[in-house]
Amino acid sequence: VIARVARYTNTVIATGGGAILSSENVQNLQQCGTVVTLEARPDVVLQRIEQDPTPRPLLKRPDKQYAIRQLMQERAARYKIAELYIDTSSITPGTAADTIIDFVQNRGQRVSFGA
């Protein structure tokens, strides 16, 4: 799916956290544009997930927050492909979007935004 949508221009591709586990996906994402990682503290991720009815098979465990921390640690090295990291723990979606827009418009400057 990512290979197909990566061909579009002026498009945001919102992947799930596991998308970067595939080397092919990483290659396609890097070739199509700016890769951004949106991060949040495990407690914030859990709070957001609990408000979302989407099934999360990897979190069908008694200690969901521990599972989130474990997944984040396992994927940390892969998330380093991003050109921009944004900690969304204490900012609004609008602020995150503005940060991404500013980064893309001012390419070449490496920026990290977080709490």
PDB file of N, CA and C in Angstrom:
ATOM      1  N   VAL A   1       0.835  -1.194   0.000  1.00  0.00           N
ATOM      2  CA  VAL A   1       0.000   0.000   0.000  1.00  0.00           C
ATOM      3  C   VAL A   1       0.874   1.250   0.000  1.00  0.00           C
ATOM      4  N   ILE A   2       1.895   1.287   0.855  1.00  0.00           N
ATOM      5  CA  ILE A   2       2.759   2.465   0.927  1.00  0.00           C
ATOM      6  C   ILE A   2       3.449   2.704  -0.404  1.00  0.00           C
ATOM      7  N   ALA A   3       3.897   1.652  -1.076  1.00  0.00           N
ATOM      8  CA  ALA A   3       4.560   1.814  -2.375  1.00  0.00           C
ATOM      9  C   ALA A   3       3.625   2.491  -3.375  1.00  0.00           C
ATOM     10  N   ARG A   4       2.360   2.149  -3.326  1.00  0.00           N
ATOM     11  CA  ARG A   4       1.383   2.721  -4.262  1.00  0.00           C
ATOM     12  C   ARG A   4       1.097   4.190  -3.931  1.00  0.00           C
ATOM     13  N   VAL A   5       0.828   4.507  -2.685  1.00  0.00           N
ATOM     14  CA  VAL A   5       0.477   5.886  -2.335  1.00  0.00           C
ATOM     15  C   VAL A   5       1.703   6.798  -2.304  1.00  0.00           C
ATOM     16  N   ALA A   6       2.895   6.235  -2.184  1.00  0.00           N
ATOM     17  CA  ALA A   6       4.113   7.053  -2.168  1.00  0.00           C
ATOM     18  C   ALA A   6       4.343   7.733  -3.511  1.00  0.00           C
ATOM     19  N   ARG A   7       3.687   7.294  -4.540  1.00  0.00           N
ATOM     20  CA  ARG A   7       3.832   7.901  -5.876  1.00  0.00           C
ATOM     21  C   ARG A   7       3.057   9.209  -6.003  1.00  0.00           C
ATOM     22  N   TYR A   8       2.089   9.436  -5.120  1.00  0.00           N
ATOM     23  CA  TYR A   8       1.299  10.667  -5.174  1.00  0.00           C
ATOM     24  C   TYR A   8       2.148  11.850  -4.745  1.00  0.00           C
ATOM     25  N   THR A   9       1.768  13.034  -5.214  1.00  0.00           N
ATOM     26  CA  THR A   9       2.477  14.240  -4.790  1.00  0.00           C
ATOM     27  C   THR A   9       1.573  15.049  -3.872  1.00  0.00           C
ATOM     28  N   ASN A  10       2.190  15.890  -3.051  1.00  0.00           N
ATOM     29  CA  ASN A  10       1.453  16.748  -2.109  1.00  0.00           C
ATOM     30  C   ASN A  10       0.463  15.947  -1.276  1.00  0.00           C
ATOM     31  N   THR A  11       0.941  14.855  -0.711  1.00  0.00           N
ATOM     32  CA  THR A  11       0.087  13.935   0.028  1.00  0.00           C
ATOM     33  C   THR A  11       0.712  13.614   1.382  1.00  0.00           C
ATOM     34  N   VAL A  12      -0.123  13.504   2.394  1.00  0.00           N
ATOM     35  CA  VAL A  12       0.323  13.051   3.704  1.00  0.00           C
ATOM     36  C   VAL A  12      -0.016  11.569   3.805  1.00  0.00           C
ATOM     37  N   ILE A  13       0.973  10.772   4.153  1.00  0.00           N
ATOM     38  CA  ILE A  13       0.760   9.341   4.351  1.00  0.00           C
ATOM     39  C   ILE A  13       0.895   9.083   5.842  1.00  0.00           C
ATOM     40  N   ALA A  14      -0.210   8.814   6.484  1.00  0.00           N
ATOM     41  CA  ALA A  14      -0.199   8.546   7.924  1.00  0.00           C
ATOM     42  C   ALA A  14      -0.148   7.034   8.115  1.00  0.00           C
ATOM     43  N   THR A  15       1.010   6.542   8.523  1.00  0.00           N
ATOM     44  CA  THR A  15       1.175   5.099   8.699  1.00  0.00           C
ATOM     45  C   THR A  15       0.959   4.728  10.159  1.00  0.00           C
ATOM     46  N   GLY A  16       0.804   3.484  10.400  1.00  0.00           N
ATOM     47  CA  GLY A  16       0.795   2.990  11.769  1.00  0.00           C
ATOM     48  C   GLY A  16       2.235   2.846  12.233  1.00  0.00           C
ATOM     49  N   GLY A  17       2.429   2.677  13.522  1.00  0.00           N
ATOM     50  CA  GLY A  17       3.776   2.587  14.075  1.00  0.00           C
ATOM     51  C   GLY A  17       4.592   1.423  13.554  1.00  0.00           C
ATOM     52  N   GLY A  18       3.934   0.369  13.132  1.00  0.00           N
ATOM     53  CA  GLY A  18       4.655  -0.805  12.648  1.00  0.00           C
ATOM     54  C   GLY A  18       5.072  -0.732  11.192  1.00  0.00           C
ATOM     55  N   ALA A  19       4.636   0.296  10.474  1.00  0.00           N
ATOM     56  CA  ALA A  19       4.961   0.409   9.048  1.00  0.00           C
ATOM     57  C   ALA A  19       6.464   0.476   8.807  1.00  0.00           C
ATOM     58  N   ILE A  20       7.192   1.066   9.733  1.00  0.00           N
ATOM     59  CA  ILE A  20       8.627   1.236   9.552  1.00  0.00           C
ATOM     60  C   ILE A  20       9.411  -0.051   9.821  1.00  0.00           C
ATOM     61  N   LEU A  21       8.737  -1.112  10.197  1.00  0.00           N
ATOM     62  CA  LEU A  21       9.411  -2.387  10.415  1.00  0.00           C
ATOM     63  C   LEU A  21       9.790  -3.047   9.102  1.00  0.00           C
ATOM     64  N   SER A  22       9.155  -2.634   8.021  1.00  0.00           N
ATOM     65  CA  SER A  22       9.454  -3.160   6.694  1.00  0.00           C
ATOM     66  C   SER A  22      10.468  -2.253   6.002  1.00  0.00           C
ATOM     67  N   SER A  23      11.597  -2.826   5.583  1.00  0.00           N
ATOM     68  CA  SER A  23      12.622  -2.045   4.888  1.00  0.00           C
ATOM     69  C   SER A  23      12.088  -1.453   3.588  1.00  0.00           C
ATOM     70  N   GLU A  24      11.209  -2.184   2.921  1.00  0.00           N
ATOM     71  CA  GLU A  24      10.607  -1.678   1.684  1.00  0.00           C
ATOM     72  C   GLU A  24       9.763  -0.436   1.977  1.00  0.00           C
ATOM     73  N   ASN A  25       8.987  -0.471   3.034  1.00  0.00           N
ATOM     74  CA  ASN A  25       8.193   0.701   3.418  1.00  0.00           C
ATOM     75  C   ASN A  25       9.085   1.896   3.725  1.00  0.00           C
ATOM     76  N   VAL A  26      10.155   1.656   4.472  1.00  0.00           N
ATOM     77  CA  VAL A  26      11.088   2.734   4.821  1.00  0.00           C
ATOM     78  C   VAL A  26      11.654   3.354   3.557  1.00  0.00           C
ATOM     79  N   GLN A  27      12.090   2.528   2.640  1.00  0.00           N
ATOM     80  CA  GLN A  27      12.664   3.023   1.381  1.00  0.00           C
ATOM     81  C   GLN A  27      11.639   3.855   0.612  1.00  0.00           C
ATOM     82  N   ASN A  28      10.427   3.373   0.499  1.00  0.00           N
ATOM     83  CA  ASN A  28       9.380   4.108  -0.209  1.00  0.00           C
ATOM     84  C   ASN A  28       9.056   5.435   0.465  1.00  0.00           C
ATOM     85  N   LEU A  29       8.984   5.432   1.779  1.00  0.00           N
ATOM     86  CA  LEU A  29       8.687   6.665   2.511  1.00  0.00           C
ATOM     87  C   LEU A  29       9.798   7.693   2.331  1.00  0.00           C
ATOM     88  N   GLN A  30      11.043   7.252   2.410  1.00  0.00           N
ATOM     89  CA  GLN A  30      12.163   8.175   2.274  1.00  0.00           C
ATOM     90  C   GLN A  30      12.257   8.754   0.863  1.00  0.00           C
ATOM     91  N   GLN A  31      11.893   7.965  -0.128  1.00  0.00           N
ATOM     92  CA  GLN A  31      11.971   8.433  -1.510  1.00  0.00           C
ATOM     93  C   GLN A  31      10.851   9.402  -1.861  1.00  0.00           C
ATOM     94  N   CYS A  32       9.727   9.319  -1.158  1.00  0.00           N
ATOM     95  CA  CYS A  32       8.572  10.127  -1.551  1.00  0.00           C
ATOM     96  C   CYS A  32       8.536  11.492  -0.890  1.00  0.00           C
ATOM     97  N   GLY A  33       9.281  11.709   0.179  1.00  0.00           N
ATOM     98  CA  GLY A  33       9.209  13.025   0.801  1.00  0.00           C
ATOM     99  C   GLY A  33       9.771  13.059   2.200  1.00  0.00           C
ATOM    100  N   THR A  34       9.245  13.948   2.997  1.00  0.00           N
ATOM    101  CA  THR A  34       9.707  14.166   4.356  1.00  0.00           C
ATOM    102  C   THR A  34       9.085  13.138   5.299  1.00  0.00           C
ATOM    103  N   VAL A  35       9.915  12.472   6.068  1.00  0.00           N
ATOM    104  CA  VAL A  35       9.428  11.499   7.040  1.00  0.00           C
ATOM    105  C   VAL A  35       9.429  12.159   8.419  1.00  0.00           C
ATOM    106  N   VAL A  36       8.275  12.124   9.067  1.00  0.00           N
ATOM    107  CA  VAL A  36       8.088  12.745  10.374  1.00  0.00           C
ATOM    108  C   VAL A  36       7.662  11.670  11.364  1.00  0.00           C
ATOM    109  N   THR A  37       8.259  11.682  12.544  1.00  0.00           N
ATOM    110  CA  THR A  37       7.841  10.783  13.610  1.00  0.00           C
ATOM    111  C   THR A  37       7.106  11.598  14.662  1.00  0.00           C
ATOM    112  N   LEU A  38       5.887  11.197  14.941  1.00  0.00           N
ATOM    113  CA  LEU A  38       5.107  11.799  16.026  1.00  0.00           C
ATOM    114  C   LEU A  38       5.207  10.855  17.211  1.00  0.00           C
ATOM    115  N   GLU A  39       5.735  11.365  18.303  1.00  0.00           N
ATOM    116  CA  GLU A  39       5.906  10.545  19.495  1.00  0.00           C
ATOM    117  C   GLU A  39       5.083  11.121  20.641  1.00  0.00           C
ATOM    118  N   ALA A  40       4.858  10.296  21.634  1.00  0.00           N
ATOM    119  CA  ALA A  40       4.197  10.742  22.859  1.00  0.00           C
ATOM    120  C   ALA A  40       4.654   9.812  23.975  1.00  0.00           C
ATOM    121  N   ARG A  41       4.559  10.295  25.198  1.00  0.00           N
ATOM    122  CA  ARG A  41       4.897   9.464  26.351  1.00  0.00           C
ATOM    123  C   ARG A  41       3.953   8.251  26.380  1.00  0.00           C
ATOM    124  N   PRO A  42       4.428   7.119  26.889  1.00  0.00           N
ATOM    125  CA  PRO A  42       3.587   5.921  26.941  1.00  0.00           C
ATOM    126  C   PRO A  42       2.242   6.133  27.635  1.00  0.00           C
ATOM    127  N   ASP A  43       2.204   6.924  28.707  1.00  0.00           N
ATOM    128  CA  ASP A  43       0.932   7.156  29.392  1.00  0.00           C
ATOM    129  C   ASP A  43      -0.046   7.937  28.511  1.00  0.00           C
ATOM    130  N   VAL A  44       0.482   8.849  27.709  1.00  0.00           N
ATOM    131  CA  VAL A  44      -0.363   9.623  26.791  1.00  0.00           C
ATOM    132  C   VAL A  44      -0.861   8.730  25.658  1.00  0.00           C
ATOM    133  N   VAL A  45       0.025   7.880  25.143  1.00  0.00           N
ATOM    134  CA  VAL A  45      -0.378   6.938  24.087  1.00  0.00           C
ATOM    135  C   VAL A  45      -1.510   6.060  24.594  1.00  0.00           C
ATOM    136  N   LEU A  46      -1.361   5.537  25.801  1.00  0.00           N
ATOM    137  CA  LEU A  46      -2.399   4.679  26.381  1.00  0.00           C
ATOM    138  C   LEU A  46      -3.718   5.434  26.513  1.00  0.00           C
ATOM    139  N   GLN A  47      -3.659   6.642  27.010  1.00  0.00           N
ATOM    140  CA  GLN A  47      -4.878   7.449  27.158  1.00  0.00           C
ATOM    141  C   GLN A  47      -5.566   7.650  25.812  1.00  0.00           C
ATOM    142  N   ARG A  48      -4.791   7.946  24.786  1.00  0.00           N
ATOM    143  CA  ARG A  48      -5.369   8.168  23.450  1.00  0.00           C
ATOM    144  C   ARG A  48      -5.946   6.882  22.869  1.00  0.00           C
ATOM    145  N   ILE A  49      -5.238   5.787  23.062  1.00  0.00           N
ATOM    146  CA  ILE A  49      -5.702   4.501  22.541  1.00  0.00           C
ATOM    147  C   ILE A  49      -7.002   4.077  23.215  1.00  0.00           C
ATOM    148  N   GLU A  50      -7.103   4.336  24.499  1.00  0.00           N
ATOM    149  CA  GLU A  50      -8.316   3.958  25.224  1.00  0.00           C
ATOM    150  C   GLU A  50      -9.535   4.751  24.760  1.00  0.00           C
ATOM    151  N   GLN A  51      -9.321   5.898  24.143  1.00  0.00           N
ATOM    152  CA  GLN A  51     -10.428   6.712  23.617  1.00  0.00           C
ATOM    153  C   GLN A  51     -10.760   6.365  22.165  1.00  0.00           C
ATOM    154  N   ASP A  52      -9.967   5.485  21.569  1.00  0.00           N
ATOM    155  CA  ASP A  52     -10.130   5.121  20.156  1.00  0.00           C
ATOM    156  C   ASP A  52     -10.662   3.687  20.068  1.00  0.00           C
ATOM    157  N   PRO A  53     -11.767   3.470  19.367  1.00  0.00           N
ATOM    158  CA  PRO A  53     -12.340   2.129  19.293  1.00  0.00           C
ATOM    159  C   PRO A  53     -11.596   1.161  18.365  1.00  0.00           C
ATOM    160  N   THR A  54     -10.566   1.635  17.669  1.00  0.00           N
ATOM    161  CA  THR A  54      -9.815   0.782  16.745  1.00  0.00           C
ATOM    162  C   THR A  54      -9.175  -0.378  17.504  1.00  0.00           C
ATOM    163  N   PRO A  55      -9.351  -1.614  17.021  1.00  0.00           N
ATOM    164  CA  PRO A  55      -8.726  -2.766  17.694  1.00  0.00           C
ATOM    165  C   PRO A  55      -7.194  -2.662  17.651  1.00  0.00           C
ATOM    166  N   ARG A  56      -6.547  -2.991  18.739  1.00  0.00           N
ATOM    167  CA  ARG A  56      -5.079  -2.951  18.850  1.00  0.00           C
ATOM    168  C   ARG A  56      -4.602  -4.323  19.309  1.00  0.00           C
ATOM    169  N   PRO A  57      -4.434  -5.270  18.383  1.00  0.00           N
ATOM    170  CA  PRO A  57      -4.059  -6.641  18.767  1.00  0.00           C
ATOM    171  C   PRO A  57      -2.765  -6.736  19.578  1.00  0.00           C
ATOM    172  N   LEU A  58      -1.791  -5.877  19.295  1.00  0.00           N
ATOM    173  CA  LEU A  58      -0.524  -5.932  20.026  1.00  0.00           C
ATOM    174  C   LEU A  58      -0.652  -5.476  21.475  1.00  0.00           C
ATOM    175  N   LEU A  59      -1.785  -4.882  21.810  1.00  0.00           N
ATOM    176  CA  LEU A  59      -1.981  -4.386  23.174  1.00  0.00           C
ATOM    177  C   LEU A  59      -3.015  -5.188  23.952  1.00  0.00           C
ATOM    178  N   LYS A  60      -3.315  -6.381  23.489  1.00  0.00           N
ATOM    179  CA  LYS A  60      -4.247  -7.239  24.226  1.00  0.00           C
ATOM    180  C   LYS A  60      -3.470  -7.967  25.325  1.00  0.00           C
ATOM    181  N   ARG A  61      -3.032  -7.167  26.281  1.00  0.00           N
ATOM    182  CA  ARG A  61      -2.242  -7.666  27.408  1.00  0.00           C
ATOM    183  C   ARG A  61      -2.741  -6.980  28.669  1.00  0.00           C
ATOM    184  N   PRO A  62      -2.495  -7.585  29.820  1.00  0.00           N
ATOM    185  CA  PRO A  62      -2.963  -6.967  31.066  1.00  0.00           C
ATOM    186  C   PRO A  62      -2.323  -5.587  31.324  1.00  0.00           C
ATOM    187  N   ASP A  63      -1.007  -5.456  31.091  1.00  0.00           N
ATOM    188  CA  ASP A  63      -0.318  -4.187  31.342  1.00  0.00           C
ATOM    189  C   ASP A  63      -0.054  -3.491  30.013  1.00  0.00           C
ATOM    190  N   LYS A  64      -1.039  -2.755  29.550  1.00  0.00           N
ATOM    191  CA  LYS A  64      -0.948  -2.097  28.249  1.00  0.00           C
ATOM    192  C   LYS A  64       0.164  -1.050  28.199  1.00  0.00           C
ATOM    193  N   GLN A  65       0.338  -0.301  29.276  1.00  0.00           N
ATOM    194  CA  GLN A  65       1.371   0.729  29.270  1.00  0.00           C
ATOM    195  C   GLN A  65       2.768   0.108  29.140  1.00  0.00           C
ATOM    196  N   TYR A  66       2.984  -1.019  29.785  1.00  0.00           N
ATOM    197  CA  TYR A  66       4.260  -1.724  29.644  1.00  0.00           C
ATOM    198  C   TYR A  66       4.433  -2.184  28.195  1.00  0.00           C
ATOM    199  N   ALA A  67       3.363  -2.707  27.604  1.00  0.00           N
ATOM    200  CA  ALA A  67       3.424  -3.160  26.209  1.00  0.00           C
ATOM    201  C   ALA A  67       3.761  -1.998  25.275  1.00  0.00           C
ATOM    202  N   ILE A  68       3.189  -0.842  25.536  1.00  0.00           N
ATOM    203  CA  ILE A  68       3.482   0.349  24.726  1.00  0.00           C
ATOM    204  C   ILE A  68       4.955   0.713  24.858  1.00  0.00           C
ATOM    205  N   ARG A  69       5.465   0.750  26.077  1.00  0.00           N
ATOM    206  CA  ARG A  69       6.891   1.074  26.291  1.00  0.00           C
ATOM    207  C   ARG A  69       7.783   0.078  25.555  1.00  0.00           C
ATOM    208  N   GLN A  70       7.420  -1.199  25.636  1.00  0.00           N
ATOM    209  CA  GLN A  70       8.199  -2.244  24.985  1.00  0.00           C
ATOM    210  C   GLN A  70       8.198  -2.055  23.464  1.00  0.00           C
ATOM    211  N   LEU A  71       7.030  -1.794  22.881  1.00  0.00           N
ATOM    212  CA  LEU A  71       6.946  -1.563  21.433  1.00  0.00           C
ATOM    213  C   LEU A  71       7.760  -0.338  21.027  1.00  0.00           C
ATOM    214  N   MET A  72       7.690   0.711  21.818  1.00  0.00           N
ATOM    215  CA  MET A  72       8.444   1.931  21.506  1.00  0.00           C
ATOM    216  C   MET A  72       9.949   1.660  21.536  1.00  0.00           C
ATOM    217  N   GLN A  73      10.398   0.891  22.510  1.00  0.00           N
ATOM    218  CA  GLN A  73      11.822   0.567  22.599  1.00  0.00           C
ATOM    219  C   GLN A  73      12.254  -0.308  21.428  1.00  0.00           C
ATOM    220  N   GLU A  74      11.432  -1.283  21.073  1.00  0.00           N
ATOM    221  CA  GLU A  74      11.766  -2.181  19.962  1.00  0.00           C
ATOM    222  C   GLU A  74      11.857  -1.430  18.636  1.00  0.00           C
ATOM    223  N   ARG A  75      11.073  -0.389  18.484  1.00  0.00           N
ATOM    224  CA  ARG A  75      11.006   0.345  17.219  1.00  0.00           C
ATOM    225  C   ARG A  75      11.874   1.602  17.189  1.00  0.00           C
ATOM    226  N   ALA A  76      12.473   1.958  18.300  1.00  0.00           N
ATOM    227  CA  ALA A  76      13.208   3.221  18.424  1.00  0.00           C
ATOM    228  C   ALA A  76      14.257   3.414  17.326  1.00  0.00           C
ATOM    229  N   ALA A  77      15.030   2.407  17.041  1.00  0.00           N
ATOM    230  CA  ALA A  77      16.076   2.539  16.025  1.00  0.00           C
ATOM    231  C   ALA A  77      15.479   2.812  14.648  1.00  0.00           C
ATOM    232  N   ARG A  78      14.346   2.208  14.356  1.00  0.00           N
ATOM    233  CA  ARG A  78      13.701   2.404  13.051  1.00  0.00           C
ATOM    234  C   ARG A  78      13.116   3.807  12.926  1.00  0.00           C
ATOM    235  N   TYR A  79      12.645   4.371  14.020  1.00  0.00           N
ATOM    236  CA  TYR A  79      12.069   5.713  13.980  1.00  0.00           C
ATOM    237  C   TYR A  79      13.117   6.774  13.667  1.00  0.00           C
ATOM    238  N   LYS A  80      14.396   6.428  13.781  1.00  0.00           N
ATOM    239  CA  LYS A  80      15.467   7.386  13.502  1.00  0.00           C
ATOM    240  C   LYS A  80      15.550   7.768  12.027  1.00  0.00           C
ATOM    241  N   ILE A  81      14.792   7.118  11.175  1.00  0.00           N
ATOM    242  CA  ILE A  81      14.781   7.495   9.756  1.00  0.00           C
ATOM    243  C   ILE A  81      14.126   8.855   9.553  1.00  0.00           C
ATOM    244  N   ALA A  82      13.383   9.298  10.536  1.00  0.00           N
ATOM    245  CA  ALA A  82      12.628  10.548  10.396  1.00  0.00           C
ATOM    246  C   ALA A  82      13.552  11.753  10.306  1.00  0.00           C
ATOM    247  N   GLU A  83      13.132  12.703   9.503  1.00  0.00           N
ATOM    248  CA  GLU A  83      13.852  13.976   9.404  1.00  0.00           C
ATOM    249  C   GLU A  83      13.393  14.921  10.507  1.00  0.00           C
ATOM    250  N   LEU A  84      12.227  14.669  11.052  1.00  0.00           N
ATOM    251  CA  LEU A  84      11.650  15.543  12.068  1.00  0.00           C
ATOM    252  C   LEU A  84      10.974  14.680  13.125  1.00  0.00           C
ATOM    253  N   TYR A  85      11.247  14.975  14.386  1.00  0.00           N
ATOM    254  CA  TYR A  85      10.612  14.298  15.519  1.00  0.00           C
ATOM    255  C   TYR A  85       9.767  15.317  16.258  1.00  0.00           C
ATOM    256  N   ILE A  86       8.550  14.952  16.578  1.00  0.00           N
ATOM    257  CA  ILE A  86       7.680  15.838  17.339  1.00  0.00           C
ATOM    258  C   ILE A  86       7.099  15.051  18.509  1.00  0.00           C
ATOM    259  N   ASP A  87       7.342  15.536  19.708  1.00  0.00           N
ATOM    260  CA  ASP A  87       6.733  14.944  20.889  1.00  0.00           C
ATOM    261  C   ASP A  87       5.361  15.600  21.040  1.00  0.00           C
ATOM    262  N   THR A  88       4.330  14.823  20.822  1.00  0.00           N
ATOM    263  CA  THR A  88       2.967  15.347  20.842  1.00  0.00           C
ATOM    264  C   THR A  88       2.295  15.201  22.205  1.00  0.00           C
ATOM    265  N   SER A  89       3.054  14.813  23.214  1.00  0.00           N
ATOM    266  CA  SER A  89       2.479  14.551  24.541  1.00  0.00           C
ATOM    267  C   SER A  89       1.687  15.726  25.090  1.00  0.00           C
ATOM    268  N   SER A  90       2.162  16.938  24.846  1.00  0.00           N
ATOM    269  CA  SER A  90       1.501  18.090  25.461  1.00  0.00           C
ATOM    270  C   SER A  90       1.234  19.223  24.468  1.00  0.00           C
ATOM    271  N   ILE A  91       1.080  18.865  23.200  1.00  0.00           N
ATOM    272  CA  ILE A  91       0.738  19.885  22.205  1.00  0.00           C
ATOM    273  C   ILE A  91      -0.517  19.458  21.455  1.00  0.00           C
ATOM    274  N   THR A  92      -1.147  20.413  20.816  1.00  0.00           N
ATOM    275  CA  THR A  92      -2.364  20.121  20.059  1.00  0.00           C
ATOM    276  C   THR A  92      -2.006  19.576  18.680  1.00  0.00           C
ATOM    277  N   PRO A  93      -2.945  18.886  18.039  1.00  0.00           N
ATOM    278  CA  PRO A  93      -2.709  18.453  16.659  1.00  0.00           C
ATOM    279  C   PRO A  93      -2.385  19.639  15.740  1.00  0.00           C
ATOM    280  N   GLY A  94      -3.019  20.778  15.983  1.00  0.00           N
ATOM    281  CA  GLY A  94      -2.754  21.961  15.172  1.00  0.00           C
ATOM    282  C   GLY A  94      -1.319  22.438  15.297  1.00  0.00           C
ATOM    283  N   THR A  95      -0.797  22.405  16.509  1.00  0.00           N
ATOM    284  CA  THR A  95       0.599  22.801  16.730  1.00  0.00           C
ATOM    285  C   THR A  95       1.545  21.827  16.029  1.00  0.00           C
ATOM    286  N   ALA A  96       1.247  20.552  16.111  1.00  0.00           N
ATOM    287  CA  ALA A  96       2.076  19.552  15.424  1.00  0.00           C
ATOM    288  C   ALA A  96       2.037  19.795  13.913  1.00  0.00           C
ATOM    289  N   ALA A  97       0.855  20.036  13.380  1.00  0.00           N
ATOM    290  CA  ALA A  97       0.718  20.294  11.941  1.00  0.00           C
ATOM    291  C   ALA A  97       1.486  21.543  11.527  1.00  0.00           C
ATOM    292  N   ASP A  98       1.382  22.608  12.316  1.00  0.00           N
ATOM    293  CA  ASP A  98       2.116  23.850  12.015  1.00  0.00           C
ATOM    294  C   ASP A  98       3.623  23.609  12.017  1.00  0.00           C
ATOM    295  N   THR A  99       4.095  22.793  12.942  1.00  0.00           N
ATOM    296  CA  THR A  99       5.518  22.484  13.025  1.00  0.00           C
ATOM    297  C   THR A  99       5.982  21.744  11.769  1.00  0.00           C
ATOM    298  N   ILE A 100       5.174  20.796  11.321  1.00  0.00           N
ATOM    299  CA  ILE A 100       5.508  20.035  10.108  1.00  0.00           C
ATOM    300  C   ILE A 100       5.521  20.968   8.896  1.00  0.00           C
ATOM    301  N   ILE A 101       4.524  21.806   8.780  1.00  0.00           N
ATOM    302  CA  ILE A 101       4.453  22.744   7.653  1.00  0.00           C
ATOM    303  C   ILE A 101       5.671  23.658   7.645  1.00  0.00           C
ATOM    304  N   ASP A 102       6.014  24.207   8.805  1.00  0.00           N
ATOM    305  CA  ASP A 102       7.197  25.078   8.906  1.00  0.00           C
ATOM    306  C   ASP A 102       8.459  24.330   8.480  1.00  0.00           C
ATOM    307  N   PHE A 103       8.594  23.095   8.922  1.00  0.00           N
ATOM    308  CA  PHE A 103       9.778  22.305   8.577  1.00  0.00           C
ATOM    309  C   PHE A 103       9.859  22.070   7.079  1.00  0.00           C
ATOM    310  N   VAL A 104       8.766  21.665   6.490  1.00  0.00           N
ATOM    311  CA  VAL A 104       8.764  21.369   5.055  1.00  0.00           C
ATOM    312  C   VAL A 104       9.044  22.634   4.246  1.00  0.00           C
ATOM    313  N   GLN A 105       8.480  23.749   4.660  1.00  0.00           N
ATOM    314  CA  GLN A 105       8.701  25.006   3.945  1.00  0.00           C
ATOM    315  C   GLN A 105      10.128  25.522   4.111  1.00  0.00           C
ATOM    316  N   ASN A 106      10.775  25.192   5.218  1.00  0.00           N
ATOM    317  CA  ASN A 106      12.140  25.653   5.495  1.00  0.00           C
ATOM    318  C   ASN A 106      13.122  24.497   5.471  1.00  0.00           C
ATOM    319  N   ARG A 107      12.917  23.571   4.553  1.00  0.00           N
ATOM    320  CA  ARG A 107      13.775  22.380   4.439  1.00  0.00           C
ATOM    321  C   ARG A 107      15.240  22.734   4.573  1.00  0.00           C
ATOM    322  N   GLY A 108      16.007  21.809   5.018  1.00  0.00           N
ATOM    323  CA  GLY A 108      17.423  22.046   5.159  1.00  0.00           C
ATOM    324  C   GLY A 108      17.805  22.378   6.585  1.00  0.00           C
ATOM    325  N   GLN A 109      16.874  22.916   7.340  1.00  0.00           N
ATOM    326  CA  GLN A 109      17.125  23.162   8.756  1.00  0.00           C
ATOM    327  C   GLN A 109      16.592  21.969   9.521  1.00  0.00           C
ATOM    328  N   ARG A 110      17.447  21.347  10.297  1.00  0.00           N
ATOM    329  CA  ARG A 110      17.005  20.195  11.092  1.00  0.00           C
ATOM    330  C   ARG A 110      16.362  20.707  12.369  1.00  0.00           C
ATOM    331  N   VAL A 111      15.131  20.295  12.604  1.00  0.00           N
ATOM    332  CA  VAL A 111      14.358  20.792  13.744  1.00  0.00           C
ATOM    333  C   VAL A 111      13.829  19.624  14.538  1.00  0.00           C
ATOM    334  N   SER A 112      13.794  19.766  15.843  1.00  0.00           N
ATOM    335  CA  SER A 112      13.113  18.809  16.695  1.00  0.00           C
ATOM    336  C   SER A 112      12.223  19.599  17.631  1.00  0.00           C
ATOM    337  N   PHE A 113      10.981  19.201  17.740  1.00  0.00           N
ATOM    338  CA  PHE A 113      10.030  19.946  18.561  1.00  0.00           C
ATOM    339  C   PHE A 113       9.458  18.989  19.575  1.00  0.00           C
ATOM    340  N   GLY A 114       9.425  19.388  20.820  1.00  0.00           N
ATOM    341  CA  GLY A 114       8.855  18.505  21.828  1.00  0.00           C
ATOM    342  C   GLY A 114       8.631  19.219  23.136  1.00  0.00           C
ATOM    343  N   ALA A 115       8.053  18.462  24.048  1.00  0.00           N
ATOM    344  CA  ALA A 115       7.733  19.014  25.367  1.00  0.00           C
ATOM    345  C   ALA A 115       8.968  19.066  26.233  1.00  0.00           C
TER     346      ALA A 115
END
